[in-house]
Amino acid sequence: MSEGVGRLPPVSANESSKQASRDERDAQVDALWRRYRAGDEVAKERLILTYAPVVKWVAGRMRSALPPHVEEADLISYGLEGLIAAIERFDPGREVRFETFAAARVKGAIIDELRALDWVPRSVRSRAREVERTAMELEHKLKRAPTEEELAGAMRLDLEEFRALISQIANSSIIALDDGWNMAPGETPHLMETISDDRAVDPASLADTGDLREDLAEAIARLPEREKAVVALYYYDNLTLREIGDVLGVTESRVSQLHTKAILRLKGSLREAVGG
């Protein structure tokens, strides 16, 4: 057998140095844990700083799935509470890596805080998504916009229950003026920028006709006649819900229901058009 066969390749000086650095860091962290368990609060603060990157990592991953107005800095702030709780409750005897244990605690703390800040019940948000999804499924199946009765039936609700649900969703819909609004690739103006200025030239008359405008026009054209009328009177003629009710001969509450249904349908159509 020739010399060298079956032997491990030599470890480079650089790799050896990195391993030594990792070993030294692990020894320092172990020492911090021993000091903390002995009641050293300074060691606890050092552990928080040592594992702070876990909070930033979890917050960064969660931020991508949240609305634009949610700041990553806020998520990190919420997550630090979870990290502190993880340090206080960690049991080395369970043979679980602290980073794994802490990540779950951090994520839970962030979710708990977001839920506490959200004044709209999760059940309402879930039902709103269900209405959007059901409307799109029926539109594909029927090749037209579904009626109220068809939507209610697909959701196993009677008409009054369905209208009550639409009213509940309408009352829970709010937006932040500093939210981003994706108009086209590379363009993310804030909703605040869309508020009209009476002294300025109407931007709608200067806007180019883009893909989104065409998609929106097609989606509006597919709306049932009454919902289409509400959209036109509200957004183009600037009538109030009460004034629209007078025009259509229905109550203001009914106009609000029609408006909410129209918006849910349009949101579903636009989401499908952009592949989301």
C-alpha atoms as a PDB file:
ATOM      1  CA  MET A   1       0.000   0.000   0.000  1.00  0.00           C
ATOM      2  CA  SER A   2       1.454   3.352  -1.002  1.00  0.00           C
ATOM      3  CA  GLU A   3       2.237   5.943   1.625  1.00  0.00           C
ATOM      4  CA  GLY A   4      -0.686   8.193   2.590  1.00  0.00           C
ATOM      5  CA  VAL A   5      -3.489   5.890   1.438  1.00  0.00           C
ATOM      6  CA  GLY A   6      -6.345   5.707   3.980  1.00  0.00           C
ATOM      7  CA  ARG A   7      -5.196   8.767   5.938  1.00  0.00           C
ATOM      8  CA  LEU A   8      -7.323  11.870   6.541  1.00  0.00           C
ATOM      9  CA  PRO A   9      -6.223  14.961   4.631  1.00  0.00           C
ATOM     10  CA  PRO A  10      -4.139  17.354   6.723  1.00  0.00           C
ATOM     11  CA  VAL A  11      -5.998  20.186   8.461  1.00  0.00           C
ATOM     12  CA  SER A  12      -4.926  23.590   7.185  1.00  0.00           C
ATOM     13  CA  ALA A  13      -3.630  26.213   9.581  1.00  0.00           C
ATOM     14  CA  ASN A  14      -6.625  28.412   8.728  1.00  0.00           C
ATOM     15  CA  GLU A  15      -9.168  25.675   9.529  1.00  0.00           C
ATOM     16  CA  SER A  16      -7.324  24.850  12.726  1.00  0.00           C
ATOM     17  CA  SER A  17      -7.419  28.522  13.735  1.00  0.00           C
ATOM     18  CA  LYS A  18     -11.167  28.750  13.062  1.00  0.00           C
ATOM     19  CA  GLN A  19     -11.838  25.622  15.131  1.00  0.00           C
ATOM     20  CA  ALA A  20      -9.761  27.003  17.979  1.00  0.00           C
ATOM     21  CA  SER A  21     -11.722  30.259  17.814  1.00  0.00           C
ATOM     22  CA  ARG A  22     -15.045  28.374  17.933  1.00  0.00           C
ATOM     23  CA  ASP A  23     -13.838  26.276  20.861  1.00  0.00           C
ATOM     24  CA  GLU A  24     -12.769  29.407  22.734  1.00  0.00           C
ATOM     25  CA  ARG A  25     -16.131  31.094  22.064  1.00  0.00           C
ATOM     26  CA  ASP A  26     -18.039  28.012  23.224  1.00  0.00           C
ATOM     27  CA  ALA A  27     -15.958  27.932  26.394  1.00  0.00           C
ATOM     28  CA  GLN A  28     -16.741  31.591  27.053  1.00  0.00           C
ATOM     29  CA  VAL A  29     -20.483  30.996  26.551  1.00  0.00           C
ATOM     30  CA  ASP A  30     -20.383  27.954  28.860  1.00  0.00           C
ATOM     31  CA  ALA A  31     -18.696  30.118  31.468  1.00  0.00           C
ATOM     32  CA  LEU A  32     -21.448  32.738  31.109  1.00  0.00           C
ATOM     33  CA  TRP A  33     -24.115  30.078  31.658  1.00  0.00           C
ATOM     34  CA  ARG A  34     -22.361  28.840  34.806  1.00  0.00           C
ATOM     35  CA  ARG A  35     -22.078  32.383  36.162  1.00  0.00           C
ATOM     36  CA  TYR A  36     -25.737  33.120  35.364  1.00  0.00           C
ATOM     37  CA  ARG A  37     -26.939  29.969  37.138  1.00  0.00           C
ATOM     38  CA  ALA A  38     -24.905  31.084  40.114  1.00  0.00           C
ATOM     39  CA  GLY A  39     -26.946  34.297  40.230  1.00  0.00           C
ATOM     40  CA  ASP A  40     -24.718  36.666  38.219  1.00  0.00           C
ATOM     41  CA  GLU A  41     -27.092  39.181  36.520  1.00  0.00           C
ATOM     42  CA  VAL A  42     -24.231  40.662  34.492  1.00  0.00           C
ATOM     43  CA  ALA A  43     -23.717  37.229  32.934  1.00  0.00           C
ATOM     44  CA  LYS A  44     -27.413  37.200  32.016  1.00  0.00           C
ATOM     45  CA  GLU A  45     -27.021  40.503  30.172  1.00  0.00           C
ATOM     46  CA  ARG A  46     -24.009  39.105  28.335  1.00  0.00           C
ATOM     47  CA  LEU A  47     -26.019  36.023  27.324  1.00  0.00           C
ATOM     48  CA  ILE A  48     -28.767  38.266  25.947  1.00  0.00           C
ATOM     49  CA  LEU A  49     -26.202  40.109  23.814  1.00  0.00           C
ATOM     50  CA  THR A  50     -24.600  36.832  22.740  1.00  0.00           C
ATOM     51  CA  TYR A  51     -27.866  35.334  21.495  1.00  0.00           C
ATOM     52  CA  ALA A  52     -29.405  38.565  20.141  1.00  0.00           C
ATOM     53  CA  PRO A  53     -28.675  37.435  16.524  1.00  0.00           C
ATOM     54  CA  VAL A  54     -31.256  34.649  17.047  1.00  0.00           C
ATOM     55  CA  VAL A  55     -33.917  37.345  17.579  1.00  0.00           C
ATOM     56  CA  LYS A  56     -32.852  39.249  14.466  1.00  0.00           C
ATOM     57  CA  TRP A  57     -32.902  36.046  12.394  1.00  0.00           C
ATOM     58  CA  VAL A  58     -36.412  35.059  13.539  1.00  0.00           C
ATOM     59  CA  ALA A  59     -37.737  38.623  13.125  1.00  0.00           C
ATOM     60  CA  GLY A  60     -36.304  38.845   9.605  1.00  0.00           C
ATOM     61  CA  ARG A  61     -37.983  35.620   8.514  1.00  0.00           C
ATOM     62  CA  MET A  62     -41.339  36.624  10.005  1.00  0.00           C
ATOM     63  CA  ARG A  63     -41.188  40.165   8.604  1.00  0.00           C
ATOM     64  CA  SER A  64     -41.392  38.914   4.996  1.00  0.00           C
ATOM     65  CA  ALA A  65     -44.875  37.472   5.632  1.00  0.00           C
ATOM     66  CA  LEU A  66     -46.315  40.518   7.411  1.00  0.00           C
ATOM     67  CA  PRO A  67     -47.930  43.746   6.115  1.00  0.00           C
ATOM     68  CA  PRO A  68     -45.573  46.564   5.030  1.00  0.00           C
ATOM     69  CA  HIS A  69     -46.386  48.792   8.013  1.00  0.00           C
ATOM     70  CA  VAL A  70     -44.959  46.245  10.478  1.00  0.00           C
ATOM     71  CA  GLU A  71     -41.377  47.303  11.245  1.00  0.00           C
ATOM     72  CA  GLU A  72     -38.641  44.730  11.750  1.00  0.00           C
ATOM     73  CA  ALA A  73     -37.322  46.819  14.674  1.00  0.00           C
ATOM     74  CA  ASP A  74     -40.659  46.329  16.448  1.00  0.00           C
ATOM     75  CA  LEU A  75     -40.501  42.569  15.869  1.00  0.00           C
ATOM     76  CA  ILE A  76     -36.992  42.492  17.322  1.00  0.00           C
ATOM     77  CA  SER A  77     -38.225  44.401  20.367  1.00  0.00           C
ATOM     78  CA  TYR A  78     -41.060  41.886  20.878  1.00  0.00           C
ATOM     79  CA  GLY A  79     -38.679  38.976  20.305  1.00  0.00           C
ATOM     80  CA  LEU A  80     -36.194  40.124  22.936  1.00  0.00           C
ATOM     81  CA  GLU A  81     -38.837  39.412  25.579  1.00  0.00           C
ATOM     82  CA  GLY A  82     -38.998  35.862  24.267  1.00  0.00           C
ATOM     83  CA  LEU A  83     -35.191  35.562  24.349  1.00  0.00           C
ATOM     84  CA  ILE A  84     -35.056  36.700  27.978  1.00  0.00           C
ATOM     85  CA  ALA A  85     -37.764  34.182  28.894  1.00  0.00           C
ATOM     86  CA  ALA A  86     -35.840  31.460  27.040  1.00  0.00           C
ATOM     87  CA  ILE A  87     -32.642  32.217  28.991  1.00  0.00           C
ATOM     88  CA  GLU A  88     -34.558  32.120  32.272  1.00  0.00           C
ATOM     89  CA  ARG A  89     -36.283  28.810  31.483  1.00  0.00           C
ATOM     90  CA  PHE A  90     -33.602  26.914  29.566  1.00  0.00           C
ATOM     91  CA  ASP A  91     -32.740  23.506  30.979  1.00  0.00           C
ATOM     92  CA  PRO A  92     -29.369  22.209  29.687  1.00  0.00           C
ATOM     93  CA  GLY A  93     -30.258  18.753  30.921  1.00  0.00           C
ATOM     94  CA  ARG A  94     -32.783  18.329  28.099  1.00  0.00           C
ATOM     95  CA  GLU A  95     -29.934  18.119  25.563  1.00  0.00           C
ATOM     96  CA  VAL A  96     -31.550  20.672  23.245  1.00  0.00           C
ATOM     97  CA  ARG A  97     -29.461  23.374  21.615  1.00  0.00           C
ATOM     98  CA  PHE A  98     -30.250  26.716  23.207  1.00  0.00           C
ATOM     99  CA  GLU A  99     -30.570  28.398  19.784  1.00  0.00           C
ATOM    100  CA  THR A 100     -33.359  25.948  18.821  1.00  0.00           C
ATOM    101  CA  PHE A 101     -35.152  26.406  22.138  1.00  0.00           C
ATOM    102  CA  ALA A 102     -34.796  30.210  21.986  1.00  0.00           C
ATOM    103  CA  ALA A 103     -36.011  30.514  18.382  1.00  0.00           C
ATOM    104  CA  ALA A 104     -39.342  28.912  19.302  1.00  0.00           C
ATOM    105  CA  ARG A 105     -39.732  31.209  22.315  1.00  0.00           C
ATOM    106  CA  VAL A 106     -38.832  34.293  20.292  1.00  0.00           C
ATOM    107  CA  LYS A 107     -41.317  33.445  17.562  1.00  0.00           C
ATOM    108  CA  GLY A 108     -44.031  32.811  20.129  1.00  0.00           C
ATOM    109  CA  ALA A 109     -43.382  36.148  21.850  1.00  0.00           C
ATOM    110  CA  ILE A 110     -43.607  38.020  18.546  1.00  0.00           C
ATOM    111  CA  ILE A 111     -46.861  36.282  17.590  1.00  0.00           C
ATOM    112  CA  ASP A 112     -48.377  36.961  21.015  1.00  0.00           C
ATOM    113  CA  GLU A 113     -47.549  40.670  20.784  1.00  0.00           C
ATOM    114  CA  LEU A 114     -48.886  40.999  17.229  1.00  0.00           C
ATOM    115  CA  ARG A 115     -52.132  39.346  18.298  1.00  0.00           C
ATOM    116  CA  ALA A 116     -52.410  41.683  21.274  1.00  0.00           C
ATOM    117  CA  LEU A 117     -51.984  44.697  18.991  1.00  0.00           C
ATOM    118  CA  ASP A 118     -54.506  43.463  16.411  1.00  0.00           C
ATOM    119  CA  TRP A 119     -57.951  44.709  17.440  1.00  0.00           C
ATOM    120  CA  VAL A 120     -59.665  42.608  14.764  1.00  0.00           C
ATOM    121  CA  PRO A 121     -60.428  39.022  15.874  1.00  0.00           C
ATOM    122  CA  ARG A 122     -58.541  36.362  13.928  1.00  0.00           C
ATOM    123  CA  SER A 123     -61.863  34.709  13.110  1.00  0.00           C
ATOM    124  CA  VAL A 124     -62.961  37.817  11.183  1.00  0.00           C
ATOM    125  CA  ARG A 125     -59.727  37.977   9.190  1.00  0.00           C
ATOM    126  CA  SER A 126     -60.017  34.269   8.456  1.00  0.00           C
ATOM    127  CA  ARG A 127     -63.606  34.667   7.243  1.00  0.00           C
ATOM    128  CA  ALA A 128     -62.610  37.576   4.997  1.00  0.00           C
ATOM    129  CA  ARG A 129     -60.022  35.364   3.310  1.00  0.00           C
ATOM    130  CA  GLU A 130     -62.652  32.638   3.000  1.00  0.00           C
ATOM    131  CA  VAL A 131     -65.041  35.020   1.220  1.00  0.00           C
ATOM    132  CA  GLU A 132     -62.271  36.064  -1.208  1.00  0.00           C
ATOM    133  CA  ARG A 133     -61.326  32.455  -1.913  1.00  0.00           C
ATOM    134  CA  THR A 134     -64.924  31.309  -2.338  1.00  0.00           C
ATOM    135  CA  ALA A 135     -65.719  34.188  -4.693  1.00  0.00           C
ATOM    136  CA  MET A 136     -62.753  33.340  -6.924  1.00  0.00           C
ATOM    137  CA  GLU A 137     -63.565  29.610  -6.963  1.00  0.00           C
ATOM    138  CA  LEU A 138     -67.182  30.285  -7.947  1.00  0.00           C
ATOM    139  CA  GLU A 139     -66.148  32.792 -10.604  1.00  0.00           C
ATOM    140  CA  HIS A 140     -63.888  30.194 -12.201  1.00  0.00           C
ATOM    141  CA  LYS A 141     -66.616  27.567 -12.032  1.00  0.00           C
ATOM    142  CA  LEU A 142     -69.486  29.754 -13.242  1.00  0.00           C
ATOM    143  CA  LYS A 143     -67.452  31.892 -15.689  1.00  0.00           C
ATOM    144  CA  ARG A 144     -69.091  34.981 -14.156  1.00  0.00           C
ATOM    145  CA  ALA A 145     -69.289  36.828 -10.862  1.00  0.00           C
ATOM    146  CA  PRO A 146     -71.311  34.783  -8.330  1.00  0.00           C
ATOM    147  CA  THR A 147     -74.430  36.246  -6.766  1.00  0.00           C
ATOM    148  CA  GLU A 148     -74.892  36.838  -3.051  1.00  0.00           C
ATOM    149  CA  GLU A 149     -77.109  33.792  -2.838  1.00  0.00           C
ATOM    150  CA  GLU A 150     -74.486  31.613  -4.542  1.00  0.00           C
ATOM    151  CA  LEU A 151     -71.715  32.884  -2.268  1.00  0.00           C
ATOM    152  CA  ALA A 152     -73.866  32.354   0.809  1.00  0.00           C
ATOM    153  CA  GLY A 153     -74.770  28.852  -0.316  1.00  0.00           C
ATOM    154  CA  ALA A 154     -71.152  27.915  -1.026  1.00  0.00           C
ATOM    155  CA  MET A 155     -70.236  29.070   2.485  1.00  0.00           C
ATOM    156  CA  ARG A 156     -73.243  27.220   3.977  1.00  0.00           C
ATOM    157  CA  LEU A 157     -74.813  30.438   5.269  1.00  0.00           C
ATOM    158  CA  ASP A 158     -78.267  31.821   4.755  1.00  0.00           C
ATOM    159  CA  LEU A 159     -78.495  35.221   3.062  1.00  0.00           C
ATOM    160  CA  GLU A 160     -78.902  37.213   6.283  1.00  0.00           C
ATOM    161  CA  GLU A 161     -75.931  35.466   7.909  1.00  0.00           C
ATOM    162  CA  PHE A 162     -73.834  36.176   4.830  1.00  0.00           C
ATOM    163  CA  ARG A 163     -74.786  39.855   4.801  1.00  0.00           C
ATOM    164  CA  ALA A 164     -74.030  40.108   8.522  1.00  0.00           C
ATOM    165  CA  LEU A 165     -70.593  38.615   7.860  1.00  0.00           C
ATOM    166  CA  ILE A 166     -69.928  41.121   5.079  1.00  0.00           C
ATOM    167  CA  SER A 167     -70.899  43.978   7.415  1.00  0.00           C
ATOM    168  CA  GLN A 168     -68.556  42.621  10.084  1.00  0.00           C
ATOM    169  CA  ILE A 169     -65.690  42.448   7.602  1.00  0.00           C
ATOM    170  CA  ALA A 170     -66.431  45.978   6.394  1.00  0.00           C
ATOM    171  CA  ASN A 171     -66.259  47.323   9.942  1.00  0.00           C
ATOM    172  CA  SER A 172     -62.860  45.713  10.507  1.00  0.00           C
ATOM    173  CA  SER A 173     -61.157  47.045   7.394  1.00  0.00           C
ATOM    174  CA  ILE A 174     -58.613  49.747   8.116  1.00  0.00           C
ATOM    175  CA  ILE A 175     -55.392  50.731   6.398  1.00  0.00           C
ATOM    176  CA  ALA A 176     -52.304  52.684   7.401  1.00  0.00           C
ATOM    177  CA  LEU A 177     -51.483  55.747   5.316  1.00  0.00           C
ATOM    178  CA  ASP A 178     -47.804  54.828   5.325  1.00  0.00           C
ATOM    179  CA  ASP A 179     -48.485  51.352   3.888  1.00  0.00           C
ATOM    180  CA  GLY A 180     -46.816  50.597   0.576  1.00  0.00           C
ATOM    181  CA  TRP A 181     -49.052  50.062  -2.439  1.00  0.00           C
ATOM    182  CA  ASN A 182     -47.543  47.897  -5.173  1.00  0.00           C
ATOM    183  CA  MET A 183     -48.614  49.537  -8.412  1.00  0.00           C
ATOM    184  CA  ALA A 184     -46.022  48.074 -10.765  1.00  0.00           C
ATOM    185  CA  PRO A 185     -42.546  46.509 -10.587  1.00  0.00           C
ATOM    186  CA  GLY A 186     -40.176  48.975  -8.974  1.00  0.00           C
ATOM    187  CA  GLU A 187     -42.943  51.327  -7.816  1.00  0.00           C
ATOM    188  CA  THR A 188     -44.144  51.272  -4.187  1.00  0.00           C
ATOM    189  CA  PRO A 189     -45.769  54.619  -3.340  1.00  0.00           C
ATOM    190  CA  HIS A 190     -47.452  55.047   0.032  1.00  0.00           C
ATOM    191  CA  LEU A 191     -51.216  55.301   0.299  1.00  0.00           C
ATOM    192  CA  MET A 192     -50.695  58.789   1.740  1.00  0.00           C
ATOM    193  CA  GLU A 193     -49.391  59.823  -1.665  1.00  0.00           C
ATOM    194  CA  THR A 194     -52.712  58.863  -3.255  1.00  0.00           C
ATOM    195  CA  ILE A 195     -54.739  61.390  -1.232  1.00  0.00           C
ATOM    196  CA  SER A 196     -55.972  64.055  -3.605  1.00  0.00           C
ATOM    197  CA  ASP A 197     -54.670  67.622  -3.469  1.00  0.00           C
ATOM    198  CA  ASP A 198     -57.334  70.113  -4.548  1.00  0.00           C
ATOM    199  CA  ARG A 199     -54.602  72.495  -5.698  1.00  0.00           C
ATOM    200  CA  ALA A 200     -52.836  69.922  -7.838  1.00  0.00           C
ATOM    201  CA  VAL A 201     -53.569  68.565 -11.274  1.00  0.00           C
ATOM    202  CA  ASP A 202     -55.625  65.390 -11.063  1.00  0.00           C
ATOM    203  CA  PRO A 203     -52.989  62.610 -11.232  1.00  0.00           C
ATOM    204  CA  ALA A 204     -55.526  60.185 -12.712  1.00  0.00           C
ATOM    205  CA  SER A 205     -55.667  62.283 -15.883  1.00  0.00           C
ATOM    206  CA  LEU A 206     -51.880  62.052 -16.205  1.00  0.00           C
ATOM    207  CA  ALA A 207     -51.421  58.391 -15.294  1.00  0.00           C
ATOM    208  CA  ASP A 208     -50.334  55.929 -17.958  1.00  0.00           C
ATOM    209  CA  THR A 209     -52.560  52.980 -18.695  1.00  0.00           C
ATOM    210  CA  GLY A 210     -50.631  50.039 -17.232  1.00  0.00           C
ATOM    211  CA  ASP A 211     -51.231  46.363 -16.711  1.00  0.00           C
ATOM    212  CA  LEU A 212     -52.759  46.899 -13.298  1.00  0.00           C
ATOM    213  CA  ARG A 213     -55.251  49.459 -14.621  1.00  0.00           C
ATOM    214  CA  GLU A 214     -56.298  47.011 -17.336  1.00  0.00           C
ATOM    215  CA  ASP A 215     -56.608  44.158 -14.829  1.00  0.00           C
ATOM    216  CA  LEU A 216     -58.662  46.367 -12.532  1.00  0.00           C
ATOM    217  CA  ALA A 217     -60.943  47.468 -15.374  1.00  0.00           C
ATOM    218  CA  GLU A 218     -61.534  43.852 -16.377  1.00  0.00           C
ATOM    219  CA  ALA A 219     -62.245  42.862 -12.769  1.00  0.00           C
ATOM    220  CA  ILE A 220     -64.733  45.724 -12.359  1.00  0.00           C
ATOM    221  CA  ALA A 221     -66.443  44.733 -15.608  1.00  0.00           C
ATOM    222  CA  ARG A 222     -67.051  41.247 -14.184  1.00  0.00           C
ATOM    223  CA  LEU A 223     -68.776  42.556 -11.067  1.00  0.00           C
ATOM    224  CA  PRO A 224     -72.538  42.119 -10.680  1.00  0.00           C
ATOM    225  CA  GLU A 225     -74.421  45.227 -11.832  1.00  0.00           C
ATOM    226  CA  ARG A 226     -75.261  46.576  -8.377  1.00  0.00           C
ATOM    227  CA  GLU A 227     -71.707  46.165  -7.077  1.00  0.00           C
ATOM    228  CA  LYS A 228     -70.388  47.755 -10.243  1.00  0.00           C
ATOM    229  CA  ALA A 229     -72.762  50.691  -9.729  1.00  0.00           C
ATOM    230  CA  VAL A 230     -71.602  51.136  -6.123  1.00  0.00           C
ATOM    231  CA  VAL A 231     -67.946  51.178  -7.202  1.00  0.00           C
ATOM    232  CA  ALA A 232     -68.654  53.728  -9.925  1.00  0.00           C
ATOM    233  CA  LEU A 233     -70.751  56.013  -7.725  1.00  0.00           C
ATOM    234  CA  TYR A 234     -68.349  55.815  -4.787  1.00  0.00           C
ATOM    235  CA  TYR A 235     -64.985  56.091  -6.528  1.00  0.00           C
ATOM    236  CA  TYR A 236     -65.817  57.996  -9.702  1.00  0.00           C
ATOM    237  CA  ASP A 237     -68.755  60.187  -8.678  1.00  0.00           C
ATOM    238  CA  ASN A 238     -67.535  60.606  -5.076  1.00  0.00           C
ATOM    239  CA  LEU A 239     -70.965  59.954  -3.568  1.00  0.00           C
ATOM    240  CA  THR A 240     -71.299  58.949   0.078  1.00  0.00           C
ATOM    241  CA  LEU A 241     -72.759  55.566   1.016  1.00  0.00           C
ATOM    242  CA  ARG A 242     -75.986  57.288   2.058  1.00  0.00           C
ATOM    243  CA  GLU A 243     -76.229  59.137  -1.267  1.00  0.00           C
ATOM    244  CA  ILE A 244     -75.598  55.894  -3.155  1.00  0.00           C
ATOM    245  CA  GLY A 245     -78.367  54.273  -1.135  1.00  0.00           C
ATOM    246  CA  ASP A 246     -80.757  57.025  -2.219  1.00  0.00           C
ATOM    247  CA  VAL A 247     -79.775  56.474  -5.871  1.00  0.00           C
ATOM    248  CA  LEU A 248     -80.188  52.708  -5.710  1.00  0.00           C
ATOM    249  CA  GLY A 249     -83.186  52.752  -3.394  1.00  0.00           C
ATOM    250  CA  VAL A 250     -81.535  50.689  -0.634  1.00  0.00           C
ATOM    251  CA  THR A 251     -80.277  51.379   2.886  1.00  0.00           C
ATOM    252  CA  GLU A 252     -76.828  52.737   3.683  1.00  0.00           C
ATOM    253  CA  SER A 253     -76.031  49.443   5.439  1.00  0.00           C
ATOM    254  CA  ARG A 254     -76.905  47.542   2.272  1.00  0.00           C
ATOM    255  CA  VAL A 255     -74.647  49.810   0.209  1.00  0.00           C
ATOM    256  CA  SER A 256     -71.812  49.110   2.664  1.00  0.00           C
ATOM    257  CA  GLN A 257     -72.336  45.366   2.175  1.00  0.00           C
ATOM    258  CA  LEU A 258     -72.301  45.720  -1.611  1.00  0.00           C
ATOM    259  CA  HIS A 259     -69.162  47.859  -1.445  1.00  0.00           C
ATOM    260  CA  THR A 260     -67.342  45.356   0.785  1.00  0.00           C
ATOM    261  CA  LYS A 261     -68.264  42.430  -1.460  1.00  0.00           C
ATOM    262  CA  ALA A 262     -67.063  44.341  -4.513  1.00  0.00           C
ATOM    263  CA  ILE A 263     -63.728  45.120  -2.864  1.00  0.00           C
ATOM    264  CA  LEU A 264     -63.255  41.487  -1.798  1.00  0.00           C
ATOM    265  CA  ARG A 265     -63.961  40.304  -5.334  1.00  0.00           C
ATOM    266  CA  LEU A 266     -61.556  42.886  -6.804  1.00  0.00           C
ATOM    267  CA  LYS A 267     -58.836  41.983  -4.328  1.00  0.00           C
ATOM    268  CA  GLY A 268     -59.174  38.329  -5.226  1.00  0.00           C
ATOM    269  CA  SER A 269     -59.085  39.079  -8.965  1.00  0.00           C
ATOM    270  CA  LEU A 270     -56.027  41.327  -8.694  1.00  0.00           C
ATOM    271  CA  ARG A 271     -54.213  38.856  -6.468  1.00  0.00           C
ATOM    272  CA  GLU A 272     -54.785  36.176  -9.086  1.00  0.00           C
ATOM    273  CA  ALA A 273     -53.733  38.521 -11.905  1.00  0.00           C
ATOM    274  CA  VAL A 274     -50.353  39.182 -10.275  1.00  0.00           C
ATOM    275  CA  GLY A 275     -49.868  35.544  -9.433  1.00  0.00           C
ATOM    276  CA  GLY A 276     -50.258  35.968  -5.665  1.00  0.00           C
END
